[in-house]
Amino acid sequence: MKAAPSYKRPLKAFMHTNEEQYIRKVLTLCGGNISAAAKQLNISRQSLQYHMKKLAIQKEEFI
């Protein structure tokens, strides 16, 4: 039986990067419209704004 591969990147860092990329992709597809992006992500607008602030994503980047 082979040993599992060793991953050097912590899960939290991996999740942070993927979360940021996914939110940016959805915001781009929605033309920076936070309400539309939140609907696509199936979260509230306020929740999306919280994640954007946490990840330093500015709405102006998508306009």
N, C-alpha and C. Protein backbone atom coordinates (compact mmCIF):
# COMPACT_ATOMS: atom_id res chain seq x y z
N MET A 1 0.84 -1.19 0.00
CA MET A 1 0.00 0.00 0.00
C MET A 1 0.89 1.25 0.00
N LYS A 2 0.60 2.17 -0.89
CA LYS A 2 1.37 3.41 -0.99
C LYS A 2 0.99 4.38 0.11
N ALA A 3 1.96 5.15 0.55
CA ALA A 3 1.69 6.21 1.53
C ALA A 3 1.01 7.38 0.83
N ALA A 4 0.17 8.06 1.55
CA ALA A 4 -0.52 9.23 1.00
C ALA A 4 0.51 10.31 0.67
N PRO A 5 0.29 11.06 -0.41
CA PRO A 5 1.24 12.13 -0.75
C PRO A 5 1.28 13.19 0.34
N SER A 6 2.42 13.79 0.49
CA SER A 6 2.59 14.83 1.50
C SER A 6 2.27 16.19 0.89
N TYR A 7 1.31 16.89 1.44
CA TYR A 7 0.94 18.22 0.97
C TYR A 7 1.49 19.25 1.95
N LYS A 8 2.19 20.22 1.41
CA LYS A 8 2.85 21.22 2.25
C LYS A 8 1.96 22.41 2.56
N ARG A 9 0.91 22.60 1.79
CA ARG A 9 0.08 23.79 1.94
C ARG A 9 -1.05 23.52 2.94
N PRO A 10 -1.20 24.36 3.96
CA PRO A 10 -2.26 24.15 4.94
C PRO A 10 -3.64 24.30 4.30
N LEU A 11 -4.59 23.56 4.83
CA LEU A 11 -5.95 23.59 4.30
C LEU A 11 -6.54 25.00 4.31
N LYS A 12 -6.28 25.74 5.36
CA LYS A 12 -6.83 27.09 5.47
C LYS A 12 -6.34 27.98 4.32
N ALA A 13 -5.07 27.89 3.98
CA ALA A 13 -4.52 28.69 2.89
C ALA A 13 -5.12 28.25 1.55
N PHE A 14 -5.30 26.96 1.38
CA PHE A 14 -5.90 26.43 0.16
C PHE A 14 -7.34 26.93 0.02
N MET A 15 -8.10 26.87 1.08
CA MET A 15 -9.50 27.31 1.05
C MET A 15 -9.59 28.80 0.80
N HIS A 16 -8.71 29.58 1.40
CA HIS A 16 -8.70 31.03 1.23
C HIS A 16 -8.49 31.39 -0.24
N THR A 17 -7.51 30.76 -0.86
CA THR A 17 -7.19 31.03 -2.26
C THR A 17 -8.36 30.64 -3.17
N ASN A 18 -8.92 29.47 -2.94
CA ASN A 18 -10.02 29.01 -3.78
C ASN A 18 -11.27 29.86 -3.58
N GLU A 19 -11.55 30.25 -2.35
CA GLU A 19 -12.70 31.11 -2.07
C GLU A 19 -12.55 32.44 -2.82
N GLU A 20 -11.37 33.02 -2.73
CA GLU A 20 -11.13 34.30 -3.39
C GLU A 20 -11.28 34.18 -4.91
N GLN A 21 -10.69 33.15 -5.50
CA GLN A 21 -10.78 32.96 -6.95
C GLN A 21 -12.22 32.76 -7.39
N TYR A 22 -12.99 31.97 -6.63
CA TYR A 22 -14.37 31.68 -7.01
C TYR A 22 -15.24 32.94 -6.91
N ILE A 23 -15.08 33.70 -5.83
CA ILE A 23 -15.85 34.94 -5.67
C ILE A 23 -15.49 35.92 -6.79
N ARG A 24 -14.22 36.06 -7.10
CA ARG A 24 -13.80 36.96 -8.18
C ARG A 24 -14.41 36.52 -9.52
N LYS A 25 -14.43 35.22 -9.78
CA LYS A 25 -14.98 34.72 -11.03
C LYS A 25 -16.48 35.05 -11.13
N VAL A 26 -17.21 34.80 -10.05
CA VAL A 26 -18.65 35.07 -10.07
C VAL A 26 -18.92 36.57 -10.19
N LEU A 27 -18.16 37.38 -9.48
CA LEU A 27 -18.33 38.83 -9.60
C LEU A 27 -18.04 39.31 -11.02
N THR A 28 -17.05 38.74 -11.65
CA THR A 28 -16.74 39.10 -13.03
C THR A 28 -17.90 38.73 -13.95
N LEU A 29 -18.43 37.53 -13.79
CA LEU A 29 -19.56 37.09 -14.61
C LEU A 29 -20.80 37.94 -14.39
N CYS A 30 -20.93 38.52 -13.19
CA CYS A 30 -22.09 39.35 -12.86
C CYS A 30 -21.81 40.83 -13.06
N GLY A 31 -20.69 41.17 -13.65
CA GLY A 31 -20.35 42.56 -13.92
C GLY A 31 -20.21 43.41 -12.68
N GLY A 32 -19.79 42.79 -11.57
CA GLY A 32 -19.60 43.53 -10.33
C GLY A 32 -20.88 43.73 -9.53
N ASN A 33 -22.00 43.19 -10.01
CA ASN A 33 -23.28 43.33 -9.30
C ASN A 33 -23.28 42.38 -8.10
N ILE A 34 -23.16 42.96 -6.91
CA ILE A 34 -23.04 42.15 -5.69
C ILE A 34 -24.29 41.34 -5.42
N SER A 35 -25.46 41.92 -5.63
CA SER A 35 -26.72 41.19 -5.40
C SER A 35 -26.83 39.99 -6.33
N ALA A 36 -26.51 40.19 -7.60
CA ALA A 36 -26.58 39.09 -8.56
C ALA A 36 -25.55 38.01 -8.24
N ALA A 37 -24.35 38.42 -7.85
CA ALA A 37 -23.31 37.46 -7.49
C ALA A 37 -23.71 36.67 -6.26
N ALA A 38 -24.30 37.34 -5.28
CA ALA A 38 -24.74 36.65 -4.07
C ALA A 38 -25.80 35.60 -4.40
N LYS A 39 -26.71 35.93 -5.30
CA LYS A 39 -27.73 34.96 -5.72
C LYS A 39 -27.08 33.76 -6.39
N GLN A 40 -26.09 34.02 -7.25
CA GLN A 40 -25.38 32.91 -7.91
C GLN A 40 -24.67 32.02 -6.90
N LEU A 41 -24.14 32.64 -5.85
CA LEU A 41 -23.42 31.90 -4.81
C LEU A 41 -24.35 31.30 -3.76
N ASN A 42 -25.63 31.65 -3.86
CA ASN A 42 -26.64 31.18 -2.91
C ASN A 42 -26.32 31.61 -1.47
N ILE A 43 -25.87 32.86 -1.33
CA ILE A 43 -25.63 33.45 -0.02
C ILE A 43 -26.27 34.84 -0.01
N SER A 44 -26.38 35.42 1.15
CA SER A 44 -26.96 36.77 1.24
C SER A 44 -25.96 37.80 0.72
N ARG A 45 -26.49 38.95 0.33
CA ARG A 45 -25.63 40.05 -0.13
C ARG A 45 -24.68 40.45 0.99
N GLN A 46 -25.19 40.51 2.21
CA GLN A 46 -24.36 40.89 3.35
C GLN A 46 -23.23 39.89 3.58
N SER A 47 -23.53 38.62 3.38
CA SER A 47 -22.49 37.59 3.54
C SER A 47 -21.41 37.76 2.49
N LEU A 48 -21.83 38.03 1.25
CA LEU A 48 -20.84 38.24 0.18
C LEU A 48 -19.99 39.46 0.48
N GLN A 49 -20.61 40.53 0.96
CA GLN A 49 -19.85 41.73 1.31
C GLN A 49 -18.84 41.44 2.42
N TYR A 50 -19.23 40.62 3.39
CA TYR A 50 -18.33 40.23 4.46
C TYR A 50 -17.11 39.49 3.89
N HIS A 51 -17.36 38.53 3.00
CA HIS A 51 -16.27 37.75 2.40
C HIS A 51 -15.38 38.64 1.53
N MET A 52 -16.00 39.56 0.82
CA MET A 52 -15.21 40.48 0.00
C MET A 52 -14.29 41.33 0.87
N LYS A 53 -14.80 41.80 1.99
CA LYS A 53 -13.98 42.61 2.89
C LYS A 53 -12.85 41.76 3.47
N LYS A 54 -13.17 40.55 3.88
CA LYS A 54 -12.18 39.64 4.46
C LYS A 54 -11.07 39.33 3.46
N LEU A 55 -11.43 39.21 2.18
CA LEU A 55 -10.47 38.85 1.14
C LEU A 55 -9.90 40.06 0.40
N ALA A 56 -10.26 41.27 0.85
CA ALA A 56 -9.80 42.53 0.24
C ALA A 56 -10.17 42.60 -1.24
N ILE A 57 -11.41 42.23 -1.55
CA ILE A 57 -11.91 42.31 -2.92
C ILE A 57 -12.75 43.58 -3.00
N GLN A 58 -12.41 44.45 -3.94
CA GLN A 58 -13.12 45.71 -4.13
C GLN A 58 -14.10 45.61 -5.29
N LYS A 59 -15.32 46.10 -5.09
CA LYS A 59 -16.34 46.07 -6.14
C LYS A 59 -15.84 46.78 -7.39
N GLU A 60 -15.09 47.84 -7.23
CA GLU A 60 -14.62 48.64 -8.35
C GLU A 60 -13.73 47.86 -9.31
N GLU A 61 -13.18 46.78 -8.86
CA GLU A 61 -12.33 45.94 -9.73
C GLU A 61 -13.13 45.30 -10.86
N PHE A 62 -14.44 45.24 -10.72
CA PHE A 62 -15.28 44.49 -11.65
C PHE A 62 -16.18 45.37 -12.49
N ILE A 63 -16.01 46.68 -12.38
CA ILE A 63 -16.86 47.61 -13.13
C ILE A 63 -16.12 48.10 -14.36
